[in-house]
Amino acid sequence: MTEQLYDKNRVINFSDAVFSIVMTLLILEVGVPTIKELSESDFGLVMTRRIPDFIGLFVSFMVSALYWIGHLKVFKYVSNVTGGLLWLNTFFLLAIVLLPFSTAMFVNGFDLAGPFTFYCLNLSLIAILNLLISRFVYRKEEGKTGFDSLQYKWLRSRGWNVLIVWLVAAIFSSSWHFSRFFFMLLFVVQFFIDRYYRKRLKVLEIE
């Protein structure tokens, strides 16, 4: 029986739409001060109270951007969208859609372990599904669309970086308040991952 195939462009466009909506909704979690609050309190104090909101917005927006970029990189190598990939992508988007909710809980209970743990697990689930999509595409497209082992290892390393950081943050969420700022490791480690693989690619091009 021939495997059913789906329109790649429709899958990508739908995924882009989900990402854009989710990333836009994140700003709604930043509480807009009322006229009463602005008139009765010092403006600096009003903004200071919203620091957790802006931290949640920044972290979730930037992590969403990383996943969106990773999604673009993977689907560049997809020649045909099969049912398996379609469902993996659907569950991946479901985890993405949950992000505004988990972000809201995180910023509202910034000093509490439970909301932050849930937030970390949401991001870890996204990371796992992202890794599964990369693995699925690599197995289907290896040797067909330029998705070679080095490109796959690069994407896989980026995916593991995100997963490990959020799992470690979840583990230490109740015992170490500084775990709320573990996200900074994402960008530091990714910088070195990208630099390493770019050098590898340049070496291969020279050879």
N, C-alpha and C. Protein backbone atom coordinates (compact mmCIF):
# COMPACT_ATOMS: atom_id res chain seq x y z
N MET A 1 0.85 -1.20 0.00
CA MET A 1 0.00 0.00 0.00
C MET A 1 0.89 1.25 0.00
N THR A 2 0.60 2.20 -0.88
CA THR A 2 1.38 3.42 -0.98
C THR A 2 1.11 4.34 0.21
N GLU A 3 2.19 4.87 0.81
CA GLU A 3 2.05 5.75 1.96
C GLU A 3 1.46 7.08 1.52
N GLN A 4 0.47 7.57 2.26
CA GLN A 4 -0.17 8.82 1.90
C GLN A 4 0.76 10.00 2.18
N LEU A 5 0.82 10.93 1.25
CA LEU A 5 1.68 12.10 1.39
C LEU A 5 0.83 13.37 1.51
N TYR A 6 1.41 14.39 2.13
CA TYR A 6 0.69 15.64 2.37
C TYR A 6 1.48 16.83 1.84
N ASP A 7 0.79 17.92 1.60
CA ASP A 7 1.39 19.12 1.03
C ASP A 7 2.35 19.75 2.04
N LYS A 8 3.62 19.76 1.70
CA LYS A 8 4.65 20.31 2.59
C LYS A 8 4.42 21.78 2.89
N ASN A 9 4.05 22.56 1.88
CA ASN A 9 3.86 24.00 2.07
C ASN A 9 2.74 24.31 3.05
N ARG A 10 1.68 23.53 3.00
CA ARG A 10 0.57 23.76 3.93
C ARG A 10 0.99 23.45 5.36
N VAL A 11 1.79 22.42 5.54
CA VAL A 11 2.27 22.05 6.88
C VAL A 11 3.17 23.17 7.41
N ILE A 12 4.08 23.67 6.59
CA ILE A 12 4.99 24.73 7.02
C ILE A 12 4.22 26.01 7.32
N ASN A 13 3.29 26.38 6.45
CA ASN A 13 2.51 27.61 6.66
C ASN A 13 1.67 27.54 7.93
N PHE A 14 1.07 26.38 8.15
CA PHE A 14 0.27 26.21 9.37
C PHE A 14 1.16 26.28 10.61
N SER A 15 2.32 25.64 10.55
CA SER A 15 3.26 25.67 11.68
C SER A 15 3.72 27.09 11.96
N ASP A 16 4.04 27.85 10.89
CA ASP A 16 4.46 29.24 11.05
C ASP A 16 3.36 30.07 11.71
N ALA A 17 2.12 29.81 11.32
CA ALA A 17 0.99 30.55 11.89
C ALA A 17 0.85 30.27 13.37
N VAL A 18 1.01 29.01 13.76
CA VAL A 18 0.93 28.64 15.18
C VAL A 18 2.03 29.34 15.97
N PHE A 19 3.25 29.30 15.45
CA PHE A 19 4.36 29.97 16.12
C PHE A 19 4.10 31.47 16.27
N SER A 20 3.63 32.11 15.22
CA SER A 20 3.41 33.56 15.27
C SER A 20 2.33 33.92 16.27
N ILE A 21 1.27 33.13 16.35
CA ILE A 21 0.18 33.39 17.30
C ILE A 21 0.68 33.21 18.73
N VAL A 22 1.38 32.10 18.97
CA VAL A 22 1.89 31.81 20.32
C VAL A 22 2.86 32.90 20.78
N MET A 23 3.77 33.29 19.90
CA MET A 23 4.77 34.30 20.28
C MET A 23 4.12 35.66 20.51
N THR A 24 3.03 35.94 19.81
CA THR A 24 2.31 37.20 20.02
C THR A 24 1.52 37.17 21.33
N LEU A 25 0.91 36.02 21.64
CA LEU A 25 0.11 35.90 22.86
C LEU A 25 0.95 36.07 24.13
N LEU A 26 2.24 35.82 24.03
CA LEU A 26 3.10 35.92 25.21
C LEU A 26 3.09 37.31 25.84
N ILE A 27 2.93 38.34 25.01
CA ILE A 27 2.94 39.70 25.54
C ILE A 27 1.72 39.95 26.43
N LEU A 28 0.66 39.19 26.23
CA LEU A 28 -0.55 39.37 27.03
C LEU A 28 -0.33 38.97 28.49
N GLU A 29 0.75 38.21 28.75
CA GLU A 29 1.05 37.80 30.12
C GLU A 29 1.76 38.89 30.90
N VAL A 30 2.13 39.98 30.22
CA VAL A 30 2.72 41.13 30.92
C VAL A 30 1.58 42.06 31.33
N GLY A 31 1.35 42.14 32.62
CA GLY A 31 0.22 42.92 33.12
C GLY A 31 0.36 44.40 32.84
N VAL A 32 -0.64 44.97 32.20
CA VAL A 32 -0.63 46.41 31.91
C VAL A 32 -1.09 47.16 33.16
N PRO A 33 -0.28 48.10 33.67
CA PRO A 33 -0.69 48.83 34.89
C PRO A 33 -1.93 49.69 34.65
N THR A 34 -2.77 49.73 35.64
CA THR A 34 -3.97 50.55 35.56
C THR A 34 -3.62 52.02 35.81
N ILE A 35 -4.55 52.91 35.44
CA ILE A 35 -4.36 54.34 35.68
C ILE A 35 -4.19 54.60 37.18
N LYS A 36 -4.98 53.89 37.99
CA LYS A 36 -4.90 54.06 39.45
C LYS A 36 -3.52 53.69 39.96
N GLU A 37 -2.98 52.55 39.48
CA GLU A 37 -1.66 52.10 39.92
C GLU A 37 -0.58 53.08 39.49
N LEU A 38 -0.69 53.60 38.27
CA LEU A 38 0.31 54.54 37.76
C LEU A 38 0.28 55.88 38.51
N SER A 39 -0.92 56.28 38.93
CA SER A 39 -1.05 57.58 39.61
C SER A 39 -0.70 57.49 41.08
N GLU A 40 -0.88 56.31 41.68
CA GLU A 40 -0.66 56.18 43.12
C GLU A 40 0.72 55.62 43.47
N SER A 41 1.43 55.03 42.51
CA SER A 41 2.72 54.41 42.79
C SER A 41 3.82 55.02 41.92
N ASP A 42 5.04 54.93 42.41
CA ASP A 42 6.18 55.39 41.63
C ASP A 42 6.32 54.52 40.38
N PHE A 43 6.59 55.17 39.24
CA PHE A 43 6.65 54.42 37.97
C PHE A 43 7.73 53.34 38.01
N GLY A 44 8.85 53.64 38.62
CA GLY A 44 9.92 52.65 38.73
C GLY A 44 9.46 51.42 39.50
N LEU A 45 8.69 51.63 40.57
CA LEU A 45 8.16 50.53 41.37
C LEU A 45 7.16 49.71 40.57
N VAL A 46 6.32 50.40 39.79
CA VAL A 46 5.33 49.71 38.95
C VAL A 46 6.03 48.77 37.97
N MET A 47 7.09 49.26 37.35
CA MET A 47 7.82 48.44 36.38
C MET A 47 8.61 47.33 37.07
N THR A 48 9.13 47.61 38.25
CA THR A 48 9.88 46.59 39.00
C THR A 48 8.99 45.40 39.32
N ARG A 49 7.73 45.67 39.65
CA ARG A 49 6.79 44.58 39.96
C ARG A 49 6.57 43.66 38.76
N ARG A 50 6.85 44.17 37.57
CA ARG A 50 6.60 43.39 36.35
C ARG A 50 7.87 42.74 35.80
N ILE A 51 8.94 42.78 36.56
CA ILE A 51 10.17 42.13 36.12
C ILE A 51 9.96 40.64 35.83
N PRO A 52 9.28 39.89 36.71
CA PRO A 52 9.02 38.48 36.38
C PRO A 52 8.24 38.30 35.08
N ASP A 53 7.29 39.21 34.82
CA ASP A 53 6.52 39.14 33.58
C ASP A 53 7.43 39.29 32.36
N PHE A 54 8.32 40.25 32.43
CA PHE A 54 9.21 40.49 31.29
C PHE A 54 10.25 39.37 31.14
N ILE A 55 10.67 38.78 32.27
CA ILE A 55 11.58 37.63 32.19
C ILE A 55 10.88 36.47 31.48
N GLY A 56 9.63 36.21 31.88
CA GLY A 56 8.87 35.13 31.24
C GLY A 56 8.67 35.40 29.76
N LEU A 57 8.34 36.66 29.41
CA LEU A 57 8.15 37.03 28.01
C LEU A 57 9.44 36.81 27.21
N PHE A 58 10.54 37.31 27.73
CA PHE A 58 11.81 37.20 27.02
C PHE A 58 12.23 35.74 26.82
N VAL A 59 12.19 34.98 27.91
CA VAL A 59 12.63 33.58 27.84
C VAL A 59 11.76 32.79 26.87
N SER A 60 10.44 32.88 27.03
CA SER A 60 9.53 32.11 26.18
C SER A 60 9.60 32.55 24.73
N PHE A 61 9.73 33.86 24.50
CA PHE A 61 9.80 34.36 23.13
C PHE A 61 11.07 33.88 22.44
N MET A 62 12.20 33.99 23.14
CA MET A 62 13.48 33.61 22.54
C MET A 62 13.57 32.09 22.33
N VAL A 63 13.06 31.32 23.29
CA VAL A 63 13.07 29.86 23.13
C VAL A 63 12.15 29.46 21.98
N SER A 64 10.98 30.11 21.89
CA SER A 64 10.08 29.84 20.77
C SER A 64 10.76 30.16 19.44
N ALA A 65 11.51 31.27 19.42
CA ALA A 65 12.23 31.65 18.21
C ALA A 65 13.27 30.59 17.83
N LEU A 66 13.95 30.05 18.83
CA LEU A 66 14.94 28.99 18.57
C LEU A 66 14.26 27.76 17.96
N TYR A 67 13.10 27.40 18.52
CA TYR A 67 12.38 26.24 17.99
C TYR A 67 11.86 26.50 16.58
N TRP A 68 11.41 27.73 16.35
CA TRP A 68 10.92 28.07 15.02
C TRP A 68 12.04 27.99 13.99
N ILE A 69 13.21 28.53 14.35
CA ILE A 69 14.35 28.46 13.44
C ILE A 69 14.75 27.01 13.20
N GLY A 70 14.76 26.20 14.28
CA GLY A 70 15.08 24.78 14.14
C GLY A 70 14.08 24.06 13.25
N HIS A 71 12.81 24.43 13.39
CA HIS A 71 11.75 23.84 12.57
C HIS A 71 11.98 24.17 11.10
N LEU A 72 12.35 25.41 10.82
CA LEU A 72 12.66 25.82 9.44
C LEU A 72 13.83 25.02 8.88
N LYS A 73 14.86 24.84 9.70
CA LYS A 73 16.05 24.13 9.25
C LYS A 73 15.73 22.67 8.92
N VAL A 74 14.92 22.03 9.75
CA VAL A 74 14.58 20.62 9.52
C VAL A 74 13.71 20.46 8.29
N PHE A 75 12.67 21.28 8.19
CA PHE A 75 11.72 21.12 7.08
C PHE A 75 12.31 21.52 5.73
N LYS A 76 13.44 22.21 5.76
CA LYS A 76 14.13 22.50 4.51
C LYS A 76 14.56 21.21 3.81
N TYR A 77 14.80 20.17 4.63
CA TYR A 77 15.28 18.91 4.07
C TYR A 77 14.17 17.89 3.83
N VAL A 78 12.93 18.26 4.08
CA VAL A 78 11.80 17.34 3.88
C VAL A 78 11.37 17.35 2.41
N SER A 79 11.37 16.19 1.80
CA SER A 79 10.91 16.09 0.41
C SER A 79 9.43 15.75 0.35
N ASN A 80 8.98 14.91 1.29
CA ASN A 80 7.57 14.51 1.35
C ASN A 80 7.11 14.44 2.80
N VAL A 81 5.95 14.98 3.09
CA VAL A 81 5.38 14.91 4.43
C VAL A 81 4.51 13.67 4.52
N THR A 82 4.93 12.73 5.35
CA THR A 82 4.17 11.50 5.54
C THR A 82 3.25 11.65 6.76
N GLY A 83 2.41 10.64 6.98
CA GLY A 83 1.49 10.68 8.12
C GLY A 83 2.25 10.73 9.44
N GLY A 84 3.36 9.97 9.52
CA GLY A 84 4.14 9.95 10.76
C GLY A 84 4.70 11.32 11.10
N LEU A 85 5.26 11.99 10.10
CA LEU A 85 5.82 13.32 10.33
C LEU A 85 4.71 14.32 10.64
N LEU A 86 3.57 14.17 9.97
CA LEU A 86 2.45 15.08 10.20
C LEU A 86 1.99 15.03 11.65
N TRP A 87 1.88 13.82 12.20
CA TRP A 87 1.43 13.68 13.58
C TRP A 87 2.49 14.13 14.58
N LEU A 88 3.75 13.84 14.29
CA LEU A 88 4.82 14.34 15.16
C LEU A 88 4.79 15.86 15.21
N ASN A 89 4.61 16.48 14.06
CA ASN A 89 4.55 17.94 13.98
C ASN A 89 3.33 18.48 14.71
N THR A 90 2.22 17.76 14.63
CA THR A 90 0.99 18.18 15.31
C THR A 90 1.18 18.18 16.83
N PHE A 91 1.77 17.12 17.37
CA PHE A 91 2.01 17.07 18.82
C PHE A 91 3.06 18.10 19.24
N PHE A 92 4.03 18.35 18.38
CA PHE A 92 5.02 19.39 18.63
C PHE A 92 4.34 20.75 18.76
N LEU A 93 3.42 21.06 17.86
CA LEU A 93 2.69 22.33 17.90
C LEU A 93 1.77 22.41 19.11
N LEU A 94 1.22 21.26 19.52
CA LEU A 94 0.39 21.24 20.72
C LEU A 94 1.20 21.67 21.94
N ALA A 95 2.43 21.17 22.03
CA ALA A 95 3.30 21.56 23.15
C ALA A 95 3.67 23.04 23.06
N ILE A 96 3.83 23.55 21.83
CA ILE A 96 4.11 24.97 21.64
C ILE A 96 2.92 25.82 22.09
N VAL A 97 1.71 25.39 21.74
CA VAL A 97 0.49 26.14 22.08
C VAL A 97 0.31 26.22 23.60
N LEU A 98 0.82 25.24 24.33
CA LEU A 98 0.71 25.24 25.79
C LEU A 98 1.61 26.29 26.44
N LEU A 99 2.57 26.81 25.69
CA LEU A 99 3.59 27.70 26.26
C LEU A 99 3.04 28.98 26.89
N PRO A 100 2.08 29.70 26.27
CA PRO A 100 1.54 30.90 26.95
C PRO A 100 0.93 30.58 28.31
N PHE A 101 0.27 29.42 28.42
CA PHE A 101 -0.33 29.02 29.70
C PHE A 101 0.74 28.75 30.75
N SER A 102 1.76 27.96 30.38
CA SER A 102 2.81 27.64 31.34
C SER A 102 3.64 28.87 31.69
N THR A 103 3.79 29.78 30.72
CA THR A 103 4.51 31.03 30.99
C THR A 103 3.74 31.88 31.99
N ALA A 104 2.42 31.96 31.82
CA ALA A 104 1.58 32.74 32.74
C ALA A 104 1.67 32.19 34.16
N MET A 105 1.64 30.87 34.30
CA MET A 105 1.77 30.27 35.63
C MET A 105 3.12 30.57 36.23
N PHE A 106 4.15 30.50 35.39
CA PHE A 106 5.52 30.75 35.84
C PHE A 106 5.68 32.17 36.37
N VAL A 107 5.21 33.17 35.61
CA VAL A 107 5.40 34.56 36.04
C VAL A 107 4.50 34.93 37.22
N ASN A 108 3.31 34.33 37.29
CA ASN A 108 2.41 34.62 38.40
C ASN A 108 2.89 34.00 39.71
N GLY A 109 3.57 32.87 39.59
CA GLY A 109 4.13 32.22 40.78
C GLY A 109 5.64 32.15 40.67
N PHE A 110 6.25 33.30 40.39
CA PHE A 110 7.69 33.34 40.09
C PHE A 110 8.55 32.73 41.19
N ASP A 111 8.13 32.89 42.44
CA ASP A 111 8.92 32.38 43.57
C ASP A 111 8.52 30.97 43.99
N LEU A 112 7.56 30.38 43.29
CA LEU A 112 7.09 29.05 43.65
C LEU A 112 7.70 27.99 42.75
N ALA A 113 7.97 26.82 43.33
CA ALA A 113 8.64 25.75 42.58
C ALA A 113 7.70 25.08 41.57
N GLY A 114 6.44 24.85 41.98
CA GLY A 114 5.50 24.09 41.14
C GLY A 114 5.29 24.69 39.77
N PRO A 115 4.91 25.98 39.67
CA PRO A 115 4.69 26.59 38.35
C PRO A 115 5.94 26.57 37.48
N PHE A 116 7.10 26.82 38.10
CA PHE A 116 8.34 26.83 37.31
C PHE A 116 8.69 25.43 36.82
N THR A 117 8.45 24.43 37.64
CA THR A 117 8.69 23.04 37.23
C THR A 117 7.81 22.68 36.04
N PHE A 118 6.53 23.07 36.12
CA PHE A 118 5.61 22.81 35.00
C PHE A 118 6.09 23.50 33.73
N TYR A 119 6.55 24.73 33.87
CA TYR A 119 7.08 25.50 32.75
C TYR A 119 8.28 24.78 32.13
N CYS A 120 9.20 24.32 32.97
CA CYS A 120 10.38 23.60 32.49
C CYS A 120 10.00 22.31 31.78
N LEU A 121 9.02 21.59 32.32
CA LEU A 121 8.59 20.34 31.71
C LEU A 121 7.91 20.58 30.37
N ASN A 122 7.17 21.69 30.26
CA ASN A 122 6.56 22.07 28.98
C ASN A 122 7.65 22.27 27.93
N LEU A 123 8.69 23.02 28.30
CA LEU A 123 9.79 23.28 27.37
C LEU A 123 10.59 22.01 27.08
N SER A 124 10.69 21.13 28.06
CA SER A 124 11.39 19.86 27.84
C SER A 124 10.61 18.98 26.87
N LEU A 125 9.28 18.99 26.99
CA LEU A 125 8.45 18.21 26.07
C LEU A 125 8.60 18.73 24.64
N ILE A 126 8.64 20.04 24.48
CA ILE A 126 8.87 20.63 23.15
C ILE A 126 10.21 20.15 22.60
N ALA A 127 11.23 20.15 23.46
CA ALA A 127 12.57 19.73 23.04
C ALA A 127 12.59 18.27 22.60
N ILE A 128 11.90 17.42 23.35
CA ILE A 128 11.85 15.99 23.01
C ILE A 128 11.19 15.78 21.64
N LEU A 129 10.05 16.45 21.43
CA LEU A 129 9.34 16.31 20.16
C LEU A 129 10.15 16.90 19.00
N ASN A 130 10.88 17.96 19.28
CA ASN A 130 11.76 18.55 18.27
C ASN A 130 12.86 17.56 17.87
N LEU A 131 13.42 16.88 18.85
CA LEU A 131 14.45 15.87 18.57
C LEU A 131 13.87 14.70 17.77
N LEU A 132 12.65 14.29 18.10
CA LEU A 132 12.00 13.18 17.39
C LEU A 132 11.74 13.56 15.93
N ILE A 133 11.33 14.81 15.69
CA ILE A 133 11.09 15.27 14.32
C ILE A 133 12.39 15.25 13.53
N SER A 134 13.47 15.75 14.12
CA SER A 134 14.78 15.76 13.44
C SER A 134 15.22 14.36 13.10
N ARG A 135 15.06 13.45 14.05
CA ARG A 135 15.46 12.05 13.84
C ARG A 135 14.63 11.40 12.75
N PHE A 136 13.32 11.67 12.77
CA PHE A 136 12.41 11.10 11.77
C PHE A 136 12.80 11.57 10.37
N VAL A 137 13.02 12.90 10.24
CA VAL A 137 13.37 13.47 8.93
C VAL A 137 14.71 12.93 8.44
N TYR A 138 15.68 12.83 9.34
CA TYR A 138 17.00 12.34 8.95
C TYR A 138 16.92 10.91 8.42
N ARG A 139 16.16 10.07 9.10
CA ARG A 139 16.03 8.67 8.66
C ARG A 139 15.33 8.56 7.31
N LYS A 140 14.37 9.47 7.07
CA LYS A 140 13.63 9.43 5.81
C LYS A 140 14.39 10.07 4.66
N GLU A 141 15.18 11.11 4.96
CA GLU A 141 15.75 11.94 3.90
C GLU A 141 17.27 11.79 3.73
N GLU A 142 17.90 10.94 4.53
CA GLU A 142 19.36 10.80 4.45
C GLU A 142 19.78 10.45 3.02
N GLY A 143 20.68 11.25 2.47
CA GLY A 143 21.18 11.00 1.13
C GLY A 143 20.27 11.47 0.01
N LYS A 144 19.14 12.11 0.35
CA LYS A 144 18.19 12.55 -0.68
C LYS A 144 18.19 14.06 -0.86
N THR A 145 18.13 14.81 0.23
CA THR A 145 17.93 16.26 0.14
C THR A 145 19.07 17.05 0.76
N GLY A 146 20.22 16.43 0.96
CA GLY A 146 21.36 17.14 1.53
C GLY A 146 21.42 17.11 3.04
N PHE A 147 20.50 16.37 3.65
CA PHE A 147 20.49 16.26 5.12
C PHE A 147 21.48 15.17 5.52
N ASP A 148 22.76 15.55 5.59
CA ASP A 148 23.80 14.57 5.89
C ASP A 148 23.98 14.42 7.40
N SER A 149 24.87 13.53 7.80
CA SER A 149 25.06 13.22 9.22
C SER A 149 25.56 14.43 10.01
N LEU A 150 26.39 15.28 9.39
CA LEU A 150 26.91 16.43 10.10
C LEU A 150 25.80 17.44 10.39
N GLN A 151 24.92 17.69 9.39
CA GLN A 151 23.79 18.60 9.61
C GLN A 151 22.87 18.06 10.70
N TYR A 152 22.66 16.75 10.67
CA TYR A 152 21.78 16.13 11.67
C TYR A 152 22.39 16.25 13.06
N LYS A 153 23.70 15.98 13.19
CA LYS A 153 24.36 16.07 14.49
C LYS A 153 24.32 17.50 15.03
N TRP A 154 24.42 18.46 14.12
CA TRP A 154 24.33 19.87 14.53
C TRP A 154 22.96 20.17 15.13
N LEU A 155 21.89 19.80 14.42
CA LEU A 155 20.54 20.04 14.93
C LEU A 155 20.28 19.23 16.20
N ARG A 156 20.78 18.01 16.23
CA ARG A 156 20.58 17.17 17.41
C ARG A 156 21.30 17.76 18.63
N SER A 157 22.50 18.30 18.44
CA SER A 157 23.24 18.92 19.54
C SER A 157 22.50 20.12 20.09
N ARG A 158 21.94 20.94 19.17
CA ARG A 158 21.15 22.09 19.62
C ARG A 158 19.93 21.63 20.41
N GLY A 159 19.28 20.57 19.93
CA GLY A 159 18.10 20.05 20.62
C GLY A 159 18.41 19.50 22.00
N TRP A 160 19.50 18.75 22.11
CA TRP A 160 19.90 18.21 23.41
C TRP A 160 20.30 19.31 24.38
N ASN A 161 20.90 20.37 23.86
CA ASN A 161 21.26 21.50 24.70
C ASN A 161 20.03 22.07 25.39
N VAL A 162 18.97 22.31 24.62
CA VAL A 162 17.73 22.86 25.18
C VAL A 162 17.11 21.89 26.18
N LEU A 163 17.05 20.61 25.82
CA LEU A 163 16.42 19.62 26.70
C LEU A 163 17.15 19.50 28.03
N ILE A 164 18.47 19.41 27.98
CA ILE A 164 19.25 19.24 29.21
C ILE A 164 19.12 20.45 30.12
N VAL A 165 19.19 21.65 29.55
CA VAL A 165 19.09 22.87 30.37
C VAL A 165 17.76 22.92 31.11
N TRP A 166 16.65 22.62 30.41
CA TRP A 166 15.34 22.73 31.08
C TRP A 166 15.08 21.59 32.05
N LEU A 167 15.62 20.42 31.77
CA LEU A 167 15.47 19.32 32.73
C LEU A 167 16.27 19.60 34.00
N VAL A 168 17.47 20.12 33.85
CA VAL A 168 18.28 20.48 35.03
C VAL A 168 17.59 21.59 35.82
N ALA A 169 17.03 22.58 35.12
CA ALA A 169 16.31 23.66 35.80
C ALA A 169 15.11 23.11 36.57
N ALA A 170 14.42 22.14 35.99
CA ALA A 170 13.26 21.53 36.67
C ALA A 170 13.70 20.78 37.92
N ILE A 171 14.83 20.08 37.83
CA ILE A 171 15.33 19.30 38.97
C ILE A 171 15.68 20.21 40.13
N PHE A 172 16.27 21.37 39.84
CA PHE A 172 16.71 22.28 40.90
C PHE A 172 15.69 23.37 41.22
N SER A 173 14.52 23.29 40.63
CA SER A 173 13.54 24.37 40.79
C SER A 173 13.10 24.58 42.24
N SER A 174 13.03 23.52 43.02
CA SER A 174 12.55 23.64 44.40
C SER A 174 13.66 23.92 45.40
N SER A 175 14.91 23.66 45.02
CA SER A 175 16.00 23.80 45.97
C SER A 175 16.93 24.98 45.69
N TRP A 176 16.85 25.54 44.45
CA TRP A 176 17.77 26.62 44.09
C TRP A 176 17.02 27.64 43.26
N HIS A 177 16.77 28.81 43.85
CA HIS A 177 15.99 29.84 43.16
C HIS A 177 16.69 30.33 41.89
N PHE A 178 18.01 30.26 41.86
CA PHE A 178 18.75 30.73 40.69
C PHE A 178 18.47 29.88 39.46
N SER A 179 17.82 28.73 39.64
CA SER A 179 17.49 27.87 38.49
C SER A 179 16.58 28.60 37.50
N ARG A 180 15.89 29.66 37.97
CA ARG A 180 15.04 30.47 37.06
C ARG A 180 15.86 31.14 35.96
N PHE A 181 17.17 31.24 36.19
CA PHE A 181 18.02 31.94 35.23
C PHE A 181 18.95 31.00 34.47
N PHE A 182 18.66 29.69 34.58
CA PHE A 182 19.45 28.70 33.84
C PHE A 182 19.33 28.90 32.33
N PHE A 183 18.23 29.55 31.91
CA PHE A 183 18.00 29.70 30.48
C PHE A 183 19.15 30.40 29.78
N MET A 184 19.93 31.20 30.51
CA MET A 184 21.05 31.90 29.90
C MET A 184 22.09 30.93 29.33
N LEU A 185 22.15 29.75 29.93
CA LEU A 185 23.07 28.72 29.43
C LEU A 185 22.72 28.27 28.02
N LEU A 186 21.43 28.36 27.68
CA LEU A 186 20.99 27.95 26.34
C LEU A 186 21.79 28.68 25.26
N PHE A 187 21.87 29.98 25.40
CA PHE A 187 22.48 30.80 24.36
C PHE A 187 24.01 30.71 24.38
N VAL A 188 24.57 30.53 25.58
CA VAL A 188 26.02 30.38 25.70
C VAL A 188 26.48 29.08 25.06
N VAL A 189 25.82 27.98 25.45
CA VAL A 189 26.20 26.67 24.93
C VAL A 189 25.93 26.59 23.43
N GLN A 190 24.80 27.15 22.99
CA GLN A 190 24.47 27.09 21.57
C GLN A 190 25.49 27.87 20.74
N PHE A 191 26.01 28.95 21.27
CA PHE A 191 27.04 29.72 20.56
C PHE A 191 28.24 28.83 20.24
N PHE A 192 28.68 28.05 21.23
CA PHE A 192 29.84 27.17 21.02
C PHE A 192 29.49 25.98 20.12
N ILE A 193 28.26 25.48 20.24
CA ILE A 193 27.82 24.38 19.35
C ILE A 193 27.84 24.85 17.90
N ASP A 194 27.26 26.02 17.65
CA ASP A 194 27.20 26.55 16.28
C ASP A 194 28.60 26.83 15.74
N ARG A 195 29.45 27.39 16.58
CA ARG A 195 30.80 27.69 16.12
C ARG A 195 31.56 26.41 15.76
N TYR A 196 31.38 25.37 16.56
CA TYR A 196 32.06 24.10 16.31
C TYR A 196 31.62 23.50 14.97
N TYR A 197 30.31 23.45 14.74
CA TYR A 197 29.82 22.81 13.53
C TYR A 197 30.05 23.66 12.27
N ARG A 198 30.07 24.98 12.43
CA ARG A 198 30.41 25.81 11.28
C ARG A 198 31.85 25.57 10.85
N LYS A 199 32.74 25.38 11.82
CA LYS A 199 34.13 25.07 11.49
C LYS A 199 34.23 23.72 10.80
N ARG A 200 33.46 22.75 11.29
CA ARG A 200 33.46 21.43 10.65
C ARG A 200 33.00 21.51 9.20
N LEU A 201 31.95 22.31 8.96
CA LEU A 201 31.44 22.46 7.60
C LEU A 201 32.45 23.15 6.69
N LYS A 202 33.16 24.15 7.22
CA LYS A 202 34.17 24.84 6.42
C LYS A 202 35.30 23.90 6.05
N VAL A 203 35.71 23.05 6.99
CA VAL A 203 36.77 22.07 6.72
C VAL A 203 36.36 21.13 5.61
N LEU A 204 35.11 20.67 5.65
CA LEU A 204 34.60 19.76 4.61
C LEU A 204 34.54 20.45 3.26
N GLU A 205 34.16 21.74 3.26
CA GLU A 205 34.10 22.48 1.98
C GLU A 205 35.49 22.64 1.38
N ILE A 206 36.49 22.86 2.23
CA ILE A 206 37.87 23.00 1.74
C ILE A 206 38.38 21.68 1.18
N GLU A 207 38.03 20.60 1.86
CA GLU A 207 38.46 19.28 1.40
C GLU A 207 37.78 18.90 0.10
